[in-house]
Structure formats: C-alpha cells, structure tokens
Amino acid sequence: MRGVFASSVLPKPIVTLGSTTNFNQDRATINAIVDGQGLSTTVTAQYSSNGGSTYSTAVAMTGSPTYGSTAMYLNATGLTVGTSYIVRITATNAKGSTTVQNSNGNFTTWSLKTYLKSTSGSYTVSVPSITPTGGSAIAPTIYEMLIYGGGGGANYSGGGGGGYRIASTKLSSAAGTQDITGTVGAGGAGGNGGGGAGGGTAGGSTTLVVGNTTYTAGGGGVANWLTQGGASGTGDNTSRAGGTGNYGYTYVSGYNQWTDPSCGCCAVDKYGLCVTNCTCNNPNSPIYSTDFSRYAGGGGGGTDSAGTNATYPDGGGNGGNGGGAYGLNGGNGGRAGGTASNGSNGSVVAGGVAVGRGGEGNFGAGLAGGVTFKYYGP
C-alpha cells in the first residue's frame, strides 16, 4: 500500500527559467532547467513582444528530463530587431503542467548601429556575432557601406574628387565576432606655387576590410600646374565616378586691325607718295580665343548618379546625387583658379558630412575621404 501511495503523489515538473543567451537582431537561445520528478516530461517555450498579451506558438525545447535537473534550450528565430521579449516555459508530465515566466527570460534584440569616420587615419570597429547553442558561429554582415577616397590637391588647376565604393550588404568571409578595419585617405596637399608641376599630392585611398576582403576607393588626382584638373578617384562604377576637369581658358590673342593714314605709311612710290597705309590695332576691339586645356577644375565623384564635368570659366565638377543617405556627401572636384565656386557636394539628404572634395585652384588642399557602414549590435 505504501508503494502505491508514493506513486500516486509524484508531483508535477519543477521548472527554473534561465537567462536568454546568444541573442542578436533576429534570434535567441531560450534556456531552462527542468526536473520531471521521475516521469517522462515534455517542455515547450514561448515568447511575447507585447508584455504577455499574446505569445508565440509553443515549440518543443531540446532535452529529455525525467529524474533530476536537466538543461533545456530552444534556438528561436524570426525575432524582430530592437524589440524586448519575455519568455514562458511550460513543462508537462502525467501529473500535470508547470508554467514559469519571470524576469530571467527578458531580453532585447540588437538594433542597427552606424559607424562614420570623416577624418584621415586608421580605424577599428568590433562587430559582434553569436554562436547558437549546438550550432556554429554566425558570420556578421555590414550594411549600407560607403567609402570615399581623399580629394586631390590643387595647383592653379583644381584637384580631383575622391572615388567611392558603395554596397547595400557585405557578408564577412569569417565567422564570429571580429574587427572591421581600414584607413580613411588623407586629402592631397596643395601645390607650392613653384614652377613646373607646382608640387601638390594626390588624395589618399580609403579602405575597408571585411573578413578576408579589402574594399578600396581611390583618391582624387593632383592637378597639373596649369593644364589639367585632377582626375576623379577610382570606384565601383565609372559612370558614377565623376566628370572631367576641362573648362576652357579664354584669353586675348590679338586685336581687330584696319589700315588708315593716321597709322603711318608702310610703302611710298618714286615720288615719295604713300601707296600703302600701315595696319592699325584697335585696343577697344580685342580678339578672344579659348584654350580648352588650361586652368581646369577637378571632376566630381558621384554615388547614385554621375558627377558633372567642370564648367566654364573656373568651376569644379559637381558631385553626383547620393551619399547623403549614408551620412556622407562626397567626391566633388575643386574649382580652378579664378572667381567661380567649387562644384556642389553630391547629396540626397541635407546635413551629411562633406568628404573627398578636390582642392581649390591656387594651391588648395583636398578634403579627407570618409567611411560609413551599419551593423547590428547591443
């Protein structure tokens, strides 16, 4: 009788809800400790994003509790970014069910973070990842990558705008938490006013390393002394890389001429009479000529559309639309020596940081490049 009595009072399962682990932007590992009290027991997990008003469908957890404490887990997927969840565990055996919900199961999925650097130099960003229980480490992804090379330096001509690379996503070739590294290219130095090439340097390249892959945006070219604006830096798509630096330098090549006795006599006959009047120049009627290879503005660097060519008389090429959506406005060419302005920044959103612009004519320095990307993290 005593054995029958003991069997009849075997209790319901004991459940201890553990902390949720290994969660990122869309998945998490739900943990619990369950004692089946000597009976075969099934365990399910649920989660709620609205404080328990509604729960997800119950899903069986991994593990087989009978006697003693047994670790159970569920790798939940399809969660919503930047959302707080609470967890509910239900264990059932022949004697009934035990349901537990407490603060240990509360967690918040990761949100999208933005990294932006618009000054020259190296950088390192630790991008986190997770390893699900019973699974392999996940390779992280960066989003909305945009990098610009530094703008080229100017002489009398304007420096070239920095090139760019752009991508919506880049999956790392390596798994697990890792550093994303690279270097933002410096702006090129302006010329020194000397003869010949006139000094000055090209803009530096900007790099971004994801896993085992390096992405590069070339710097803008240095302007020649007089004859050519700096070239746009290299990038993903030449149709978006920017215009050329070539505007046309207009100068006075001579004056309108006519013959007139007041200009003097250039030939006489045997009697000393004037037979050919000399040619006169009219200082109020100059002849203008244009040299399309002098004092050029630098080309603009585009992103979502092409940059434009430099304009007459001294303007640098405009940067193409785009970039502002990622926090950077970049890549336009510097103006040539003269009175006109630089080309405008390429932008679709006001307030972005201007990067990669070529130096202005008369020896201006180029602007540093820039890098920006997004990643998920706590």
Protein backbone atom coordinates (compact mmCIF):
# COMPACT_ATOMS: atom_id res chain seq x y z
CA MET A 1 0.00 0.00 0.00
CA ARG A 2 2.83 2.40 0.77
CA GLY A 3 4.34 1.92 -2.71
CA VAL A 4 1.02 2.61 -4.36
CA PHE A 5 0.55 5.69 -2.18
CA ALA A 6 4.01 7.08 -3.13
CA SER A 7 3.32 6.67 -6.81
CA SER A 8 0.04 8.49 -6.56
CA VAL A 9 1.62 11.63 -5.12
CA LEU A 10 4.52 12.10 -7.62
CA PRO A 11 4.47 15.87 -8.19
CA LYS A 12 4.28 17.95 -11.32
CA PRO A 13 7.57 19.04 -13.00
CA ILE A 14 9.85 21.66 -11.47
CA VAL A 15 10.88 24.42 -13.88
CA THR A 16 13.59 27.08 -13.46
CA LEU A 17 13.74 29.66 -16.22
CA GLY A 18 17.31 30.62 -17.15
CA SER A 19 18.64 33.78 -18.78
CA THR A 20 18.20 34.05 -22.53
CA THR A 21 21.58 33.83 -24.28
CA ASN A 22 23.10 34.06 -27.75
CA PHE A 23 20.62 36.64 -28.96
CA ASN A 24 21.25 39.08 -31.80
CA GLN A 25 18.90 41.04 -34.09
CA ASP A 26 16.67 38.11 -35.11
CA ARG A 27 17.39 35.01 -32.98
CA ALA A 28 17.98 33.92 -29.39
CA THR A 29 18.64 30.83 -27.24
CA ILE A 30 15.95 30.31 -24.57
CA ASN A 31 17.19 28.29 -21.56
CA ALA A 32 15.55 26.42 -18.69
CA ILE A 33 16.31 23.73 -16.06
CA VAL A 34 13.55 21.08 -15.71
CA ASP A 35 13.09 18.20 -13.25
CA GLY A 36 10.44 15.77 -14.47
CA GLN A 37 10.08 14.30 -10.95
CA GLY A 38 10.60 10.78 -12.25
CA LEU A 39 8.08 10.97 -15.07
CA SER A 40 8.51 11.46 -18.82
CA THR A 41 8.12 15.19 -19.41
CA THR A 42 7.66 17.44 -22.44
CA VAL A 43 8.82 21.04 -22.31
CA THR A 44 7.80 23.91 -24.61
CA ALA A 45 8.91 27.55 -24.87
CA GLN A 46 7.03 30.65 -25.97
CA TYR A 47 7.91 34.32 -26.17
CA SER A 48 5.99 37.59 -26.27
CA SER A 49 6.91 41.06 -27.55
CA ASN A 50 3.92 42.85 -26.02
CA GLY A 51 4.36 42.10 -22.34
CA GLY A 52 2.48 38.81 -22.36
CA SER A 53 -0.74 39.90 -24.07
CA THR A 54 -0.04 37.36 -26.79
CA TYR A 55 2.56 34.63 -27.12
CA SER A 56 4.20 32.83 -29.99
CA THR A 57 3.24 29.25 -30.82
CA ALA A 58 4.66 26.78 -28.27
CA VAL A 59 7.74 24.95 -29.59
CA ALA A 60 9.34 21.89 -28.01
CA MET A 61 12.68 22.51 -26.33
CA THR A 62 15.71 20.26 -26.79
CA GLY A 63 16.34 17.84 -23.90
CA SER A 64 14.71 14.80 -22.16
CA PRO A 65 14.01 15.49 -18.49
CA THR A 66 12.94 12.66 -16.18
CA TYR A 67 14.87 12.46 -12.89
CA GLY A 68 16.90 15.36 -11.60
CA SER A 69 17.76 18.69 -13.18
CA THR A 70 18.07 18.68 -16.99
CA ALA A 71 19.25 21.63 -19.10
CA MET A 72 16.81 22.51 -21.88
CA TYR A 73 17.17 25.02 -24.74
CA LEU A 74 15.41 26.39 -27.82
CA ASN A 75 17.10 28.39 -30.60
CA ALA A 76 14.30 30.78 -31.53
CA THR A 77 14.49 32.53 -34.93
CA GLY A 78 12.50 35.17 -36.81
CA LEU A 79 12.59 37.73 -33.98
CA THR A 80 12.13 41.46 -34.59
CA VAL A 81 15.05 43.92 -34.50
CA GLY A 82 15.38 46.11 -31.38
CA THR A 83 12.45 44.52 -29.55
CA SER A 84 12.02 43.49 -25.89
CA TYR A 85 10.74 39.97 -25.23
CA ILE A 86 9.57 37.95 -22.25
CA VAL A 87 9.72 34.15 -22.13
CA ARG A 88 7.31 31.48 -20.88
CA ILE A 89 8.23 27.82 -20.26
CA THR A 90 5.68 25.02 -19.78
CA ALA A 91 6.65 21.50 -18.62
CA THR A 92 4.05 18.70 -18.64
CA ASN A 93 4.10 15.15 -17.24
CA ALA A 94 1.42 12.64 -16.26
CA LYS A 95 0.66 14.56 -13.09
CA GLY A 96 0.08 17.95 -14.73
CA SER A 97 1.82 21.07 -16.04
CA THR A 98 4.05 23.75 -14.57
CA THR A 99 4.37 27.14 -16.29
CA VAL A 100 7.05 29.67 -15.37
CA GLN A 101 7.54 33.24 -16.53
CA ASN A 102 9.92 35.62 -14.79
CA SER A 103 12.44 38.37 -15.37
CA ASN A 104 15.32 35.97 -16.08
CA GLY A 105 13.88 35.35 -19.53
CA ASN A 106 13.57 39.02 -20.51
CA PHE A 107 15.87 40.23 -23.33
CA THR A 108 16.05 42.85 -26.10
CA THR A 109 17.24 42.03 -29.61
CA TRP A 110 20.01 44.07 -31.20
CA SER A 111 19.49 47.31 -33.10
CA LEU A 112 21.26 48.70 -36.18
CA LYS A 113 24.33 50.77 -35.32
CA THR A 114 26.06 53.32 -37.57
CA TYR A 115 29.79 53.90 -37.82
CA LEU A 116 31.05 57.04 -39.59
CA LYS A 117 34.54 58.49 -39.91
CA SER A 118 35.35 61.60 -41.93
CA THR A 119 38.90 62.32 -40.80
CA SER A 120 42.01 60.68 -42.18
CA GLY A 121 43.65 57.77 -40.39
CA SER A 122 43.09 54.15 -39.44
CA TYR A 123 40.01 52.81 -37.68
CA THR A 124 38.82 49.61 -36.00
CA VAL A 125 35.21 48.66 -35.24
CA SER A 126 34.34 45.48 -33.32
CA VAL A 127 31.28 43.92 -34.95
CA PRO A 128 29.65 41.31 -32.67
CA SER A 129 28.24 37.93 -33.60
CA ILE A 130 26.86 34.88 -31.76
CA THR A 131 27.19 31.10 -31.69
CA PRO A 132 23.79 29.41 -31.18
CA THR A 133 23.76 26.54 -28.69
CA GLY A 134 24.53 23.35 -30.59
CA GLY A 135 25.40 25.32 -33.75
CA SER A 136 28.22 27.20 -35.45
CA ALA A 137 29.32 30.81 -35.16
CA ILE A 138 27.47 33.23 -37.48
CA ALA A 139 29.37 35.41 -39.97
CA PRO A 140 28.40 39.07 -39.42
CA THR A 141 27.17 41.37 -42.17
CA ILE A 142 27.72 45.09 -42.64
CA TYR A 143 25.07 47.20 -44.34
CA GLU A 144 24.95 50.45 -46.37
CA MET A 145 28.71 50.58 -46.91
CA LEU A 146 30.01 53.78 -48.48
CA ILE A 147 33.66 54.80 -48.69
CA TYR A 148 35.30 57.80 -50.39
CA GLY A 149 38.94 58.42 -51.24
CA GLY A 150 40.58 61.71 -50.30
CA GLY A 151 40.35 64.67 -52.65
CA GLY A 152 43.39 65.55 -54.75
CA GLY A 153 45.48 68.66 -54.17
CA ALA A 154 45.28 71.69 -56.45
CA ASN A 155 47.82 73.81 -58.24
CA TYR A 156 46.31 76.56 -60.35
CA SER A 157 44.00 73.82 -61.55
CA GLY A 158 41.50 72.22 -59.19
CA GLY A 159 42.13 68.83 -57.59
CA GLY A 160 40.08 65.74 -58.45
CA GLY A 161 37.29 64.47 -56.22
CA GLY A 162 37.76 61.19 -54.37
CA GLY A 163 36.36 57.98 -55.81
CA TYR A 164 33.81 55.86 -53.96
CA ARG A 165 32.62 52.32 -53.33
CA ILE A 166 29.07 51.57 -52.30
CA ALA A 167 27.17 48.40 -51.38
CA SER A 168 23.93 47.54 -49.59
CA THR A 169 25.39 44.48 -47.79
CA LYS A 170 28.75 42.76 -47.38
CA LEU A 171 28.85 39.38 -45.63
CA SER A 172 32.13 38.66 -43.87
CA SER A 173 34.14 35.70 -45.10
CA ALA A 174 34.91 34.87 -41.44
CA ALA A 175 32.52 33.77 -38.67
CA GLY A 176 32.13 35.12 -35.16
CA THR A 177 32.78 38.50 -33.55
CA GLN A 178 35.51 40.35 -35.43
CA ASP A 179 37.15 43.69 -36.11
CA ILE A 180 36.27 45.67 -39.21
CA THR A 181 39.34 47.74 -40.04
CA GLY A 182 40.63 50.17 -42.63
CA THR A 183 42.10 53.59 -43.35
CA VAL A 184 40.47 56.85 -44.42
CA GLY A 185 42.57 58.55 -47.10
CA ALA A 186 44.01 61.98 -46.39
CA GLY A 187 43.30 64.93 -48.64
CA GLY A 188 46.10 65.78 -51.05
CA ALA A 189 48.37 68.70 -50.29
CA GLY A 190 48.08 71.81 -52.43
CA GLY A 191 50.85 72.99 -54.72
CA ASN A 192 53.60 75.29 -53.54
CA GLY A 193 53.44 77.94 -56.23
CA GLY A 194 56.76 76.94 -57.78
CA GLY A 195 57.44 76.33 -61.45
CA GLY A 196 57.00 73.12 -63.38
CA ALA A 197 54.40 70.78 -61.89
CA GLY A 198 53.99 73.12 -58.96
CA GLY A 199 54.02 70.46 -56.23
CA GLY A 200 50.91 69.06 -54.60
CA THR A 201 49.89 65.45 -54.00
CA ALA A 202 47.05 63.13 -54.87
CA GLY A 203 44.40 62.20 -52.32
CA GLY A 204 44.91 59.03 -50.30
CA SER A 205 42.89 55.85 -50.85
CA THR A 206 40.27 54.78 -48.33
CA THR A 207 39.97 51.09 -47.44
CA LEU A 208 37.55 48.87 -45.55
CA VAL A 209 38.45 45.27 -44.65
CA VAL A 210 35.64 42.76 -44.01
CA GLY A 211 36.89 39.27 -43.21
CA ASN A 212 39.49 38.47 -45.85
CA THR A 213 38.28 41.05 -48.39
CA THR A 214 39.55 44.61 -48.79
CA TYR A 215 37.40 47.27 -50.49
CA THR A 216 39.17 50.40 -51.81
CA ALA A 217 38.13 53.85 -53.02
CA GLY A 218 40.96 55.64 -54.81
CA GLY A 219 41.97 59.21 -54.00
CA GLY A 220 41.47 62.11 -56.40
CA GLY A 221 44.34 63.05 -58.69
CA VAL A 222 46.62 66.02 -58.12
CA ALA A 223 46.10 68.86 -60.57
CA ASN A 224 48.79 69.71 -63.06
CA TRP A 225 50.40 73.11 -62.83
CA LEU A 226 48.14 74.81 -65.34
CA THR A 227 46.85 72.42 -67.90
CA GLN A 228 44.56 69.85 -66.30
CA GLY A 229 42.36 69.41 -63.27
CA GLY A 230 42.90 66.33 -61.12
CA ALA A 231 41.15 63.13 -62.20
CA SER A 232 38.30 61.67 -60.15
CA GLY A 233 39.33 58.82 -57.89
CA THR A 234 38.58 55.22 -58.87
CA GLY A 235 35.44 53.50 -57.64
CA ASP A 236 32.89 50.80 -58.35
CA ASN A 237 31.30 52.26 -61.44
CA THR A 238 32.98 54.63 -63.89
CA SER A 239 29.61 56.00 -64.99
CA ARG A 240 29.27 57.39 -61.48
CA ALA A 241 32.88 58.35 -60.85
CA GLY A 242 32.52 61.99 -61.88
CA GLY A 243 33.20 64.42 -64.67
CA THR A 244 36.47 65.62 -66.16
CA GLY A 245 38.34 68.79 -65.31
CA ASN A 246 38.28 70.85 -68.50
CA TYR A 247 36.63 74.21 -68.77
CA GLY A 248 38.30 76.40 -71.36
CA TYR A 249 40.60 79.30 -70.57
CA THR A 250 39.66 82.42 -72.55
CA TYR A 251 42.37 84.97 -73.33
CA VAL A 252 43.10 87.91 -75.68
CA SER A 253 45.01 86.63 -78.70
CA GLY A 254 45.03 89.88 -80.68
CA TYR A 255 43.02 92.93 -81.75
CA ASN A 256 40.93 93.91 -84.73
CA GLN A 257 43.05 95.67 -87.34
CA TRP A 258 42.48 98.17 -90.13
CA THR A 259 44.53 100.45 -92.44
CA ASP A 260 44.44 104.20 -92.02
CA PRO A 261 46.70 107.16 -92.96
CA SER A 262 46.92 108.04 -89.28
CA CYS A 263 48.66 104.73 -88.64
CA GLY A 264 51.53 105.77 -90.88
CA CYS A 265 52.81 104.89 -94.34
CA CYS A 266 54.30 101.47 -94.95
CA ALA A 267 55.29 102.00 -98.63
CA VAL A 268 55.94 105.00 -100.96
CA ASP A 269 56.34 105.39 -104.71
CA LYS A 270 59.24 107.02 -106.51
CA TYR A 271 57.70 110.42 -105.94
CA GLY A 272 57.56 109.85 -102.20
CA LEU A 273 53.85 109.48 -102.17
CA CYS A 274 52.29 106.91 -99.79
CA VAL A 275 50.96 103.89 -101.64
CA THR A 276 50.28 101.53 -98.61
CA ASN A 277 48.94 102.64 -95.30
CA CYS A 278 50.11 100.70 -92.25
CA THR A 279 47.86 98.36 -90.25
CA CYS A 280 46.44 99.68 -87.01
CA ASN A 281 45.25 97.77 -83.93
CA ASN A 282 42.07 98.81 -82.14
CA PRO A 283 42.66 98.37 -78.37
CA ASN A 284 38.91 98.58 -77.82
CA SER A 285 38.23 95.61 -80.08
CA PRO A 286 40.23 92.60 -78.80
CA ILE A 287 40.07 89.14 -80.36
CA TYR A 288 39.29 86.44 -77.80
CA SER A 289 40.48 82.84 -78.09
CA THR A 290 39.77 79.82 -75.92
CA ASP A 291 42.18 77.11 -74.83
CA PHE A 292 40.14 74.19 -73.50
CA SER A 293 43.02 72.64 -71.60
CA ARG A 294 44.05 75.36 -69.20
CA TYR A 295 43.13 76.20 -65.61
CA ALA A 296 40.77 73.26 -65.35
CA GLY A 297 38.51 72.38 -62.44
CA GLY A 298 38.61 68.88 -60.97
CA GLY A 299 35.99 66.25 -61.80
CA GLY A 300 33.19 65.40 -59.36
CA GLY A 301 32.82 61.99 -57.74
CA GLY A 302 29.27 60.62 -57.95
CA THR A 303 27.42 57.95 -55.99
CA ASP A 304 23.86 57.33 -57.13
CA SER A 305 24.37 59.28 -60.35
CA ALA A 306 27.25 60.64 -62.36
CA GLY A 307 29.18 63.72 -61.38
CA THR A 308 29.38 66.52 -63.93
CA ASN A 309 32.28 67.96 -65.86
CA ALA A 310 33.95 71.08 -64.64
CA THR A 311 32.34 74.23 -66.02
CA TYR A 312 33.45 77.42 -67.71
CA PRO A 313 35.13 79.52 -66.50
CA ASP A 314 36.51 78.04 -63.29
CA GLY A 315 34.01 75.74 -61.55
CA GLY A 316 34.83 72.27 -60.32
CA GLY A 317 32.55 69.44 -61.43
CA ASN A 318 29.52 68.77 -59.22
CA GLY A 319 29.38 65.58 -57.20
CA GLY A 320 26.65 63.16 -58.29
CA ASN A 321 23.47 62.74 -56.25
CA GLY A 322 23.71 60.22 -53.45
CA GLY A 323 25.80 59.64 -50.39
CA GLY A 324 23.76 61.84 -48.08
CA ALA A 325 21.52 58.93 -47.21
CA TYR A 326 24.55 57.25 -45.70
CA GLY A 327 25.77 60.30 -43.79
CA LEU A 328 28.40 61.40 -46.30
CA ASN A 329 28.29 63.92 -49.14
CA GLY A 330 31.38 63.44 -51.18
CA GLY A 331 33.68 63.49 -54.09
CA ASN A 332 33.18 66.75 -55.97
CA GLY A 333 36.08 68.40 -57.75
CA GLY A 334 37.78 71.61 -56.63
CA ARG A 335 37.43 74.76 -58.72
CA ALA A 336 40.21 76.14 -60.82
CA GLY A 337 42.00 79.39 -60.06
CA GLY A 338 39.53 82.17 -60.77
CA THR A 339 36.28 83.52 -59.41
CA ALA A 340 33.77 80.67 -59.72
CA SER A 341 32.85 78.34 -56.86
CA ASN A 342 33.59 74.69 -56.21
CA GLY A 343 31.28 72.07 -57.60
CA SER A 344 28.49 71.20 -55.19
CA ASN A 345 28.57 68.20 -52.86
CA GLY A 346 26.78 65.08 -54.01
CA SER A 347 23.83 64.67 -51.63
CA VAL A 348 20.25 63.50 -51.26
CA VAL A 349 19.92 64.33 -47.55
CA ALA A 350 20.86 67.67 -46.04
CA GLY A 351 23.36 67.71 -43.23
CA GLY A 352 25.72 64.99 -44.41
CA VAL A 353 29.46 65.41 -43.90
CA ALA A 354 31.34 66.66 -46.99
CA VAL A 355 34.33 64.43 -47.78
CA GLY A 356 36.71 63.74 -50.65
CA ARG A 357 36.45 67.16 -52.30
CA GLY A 358 39.33 68.22 -54.52
CA GLY A 359 41.38 71.25 -53.55
CA GLU A 360 40.57 74.67 -54.98
CA GLY A 361 42.82 76.19 -57.60
CA ASN A 362 45.62 78.42 -56.37
CA PHE A 363 47.12 75.59 -54.32
CA GLY A 364 44.26 74.45 -52.08
CA ALA A 365 44.41 71.10 -50.28
CA GLY A 366 41.84 68.36 -50.85
CA LEU A 367 39.47 67.12 -48.14
CA ALA A 368 39.98 63.79 -46.43
CA GLY A 369 37.85 60.86 -47.55
CA GLY A 370 35.32 59.08 -45.39
CA VAL A 371 33.79 55.73 -44.48
CA THR A 372 30.41 54.75 -43.11
CA PHE A 373 28.56 51.47 -42.63
CA LYS A 374 25.94 49.92 -40.38
CA TYR A 375 25.94 46.73 -38.33
CA TYR A 376 23.77 45.04 -35.70
CA GLY A 377 24.86 45.17 -32.08
CA PRO A 378 23.63 45.57 -28.48
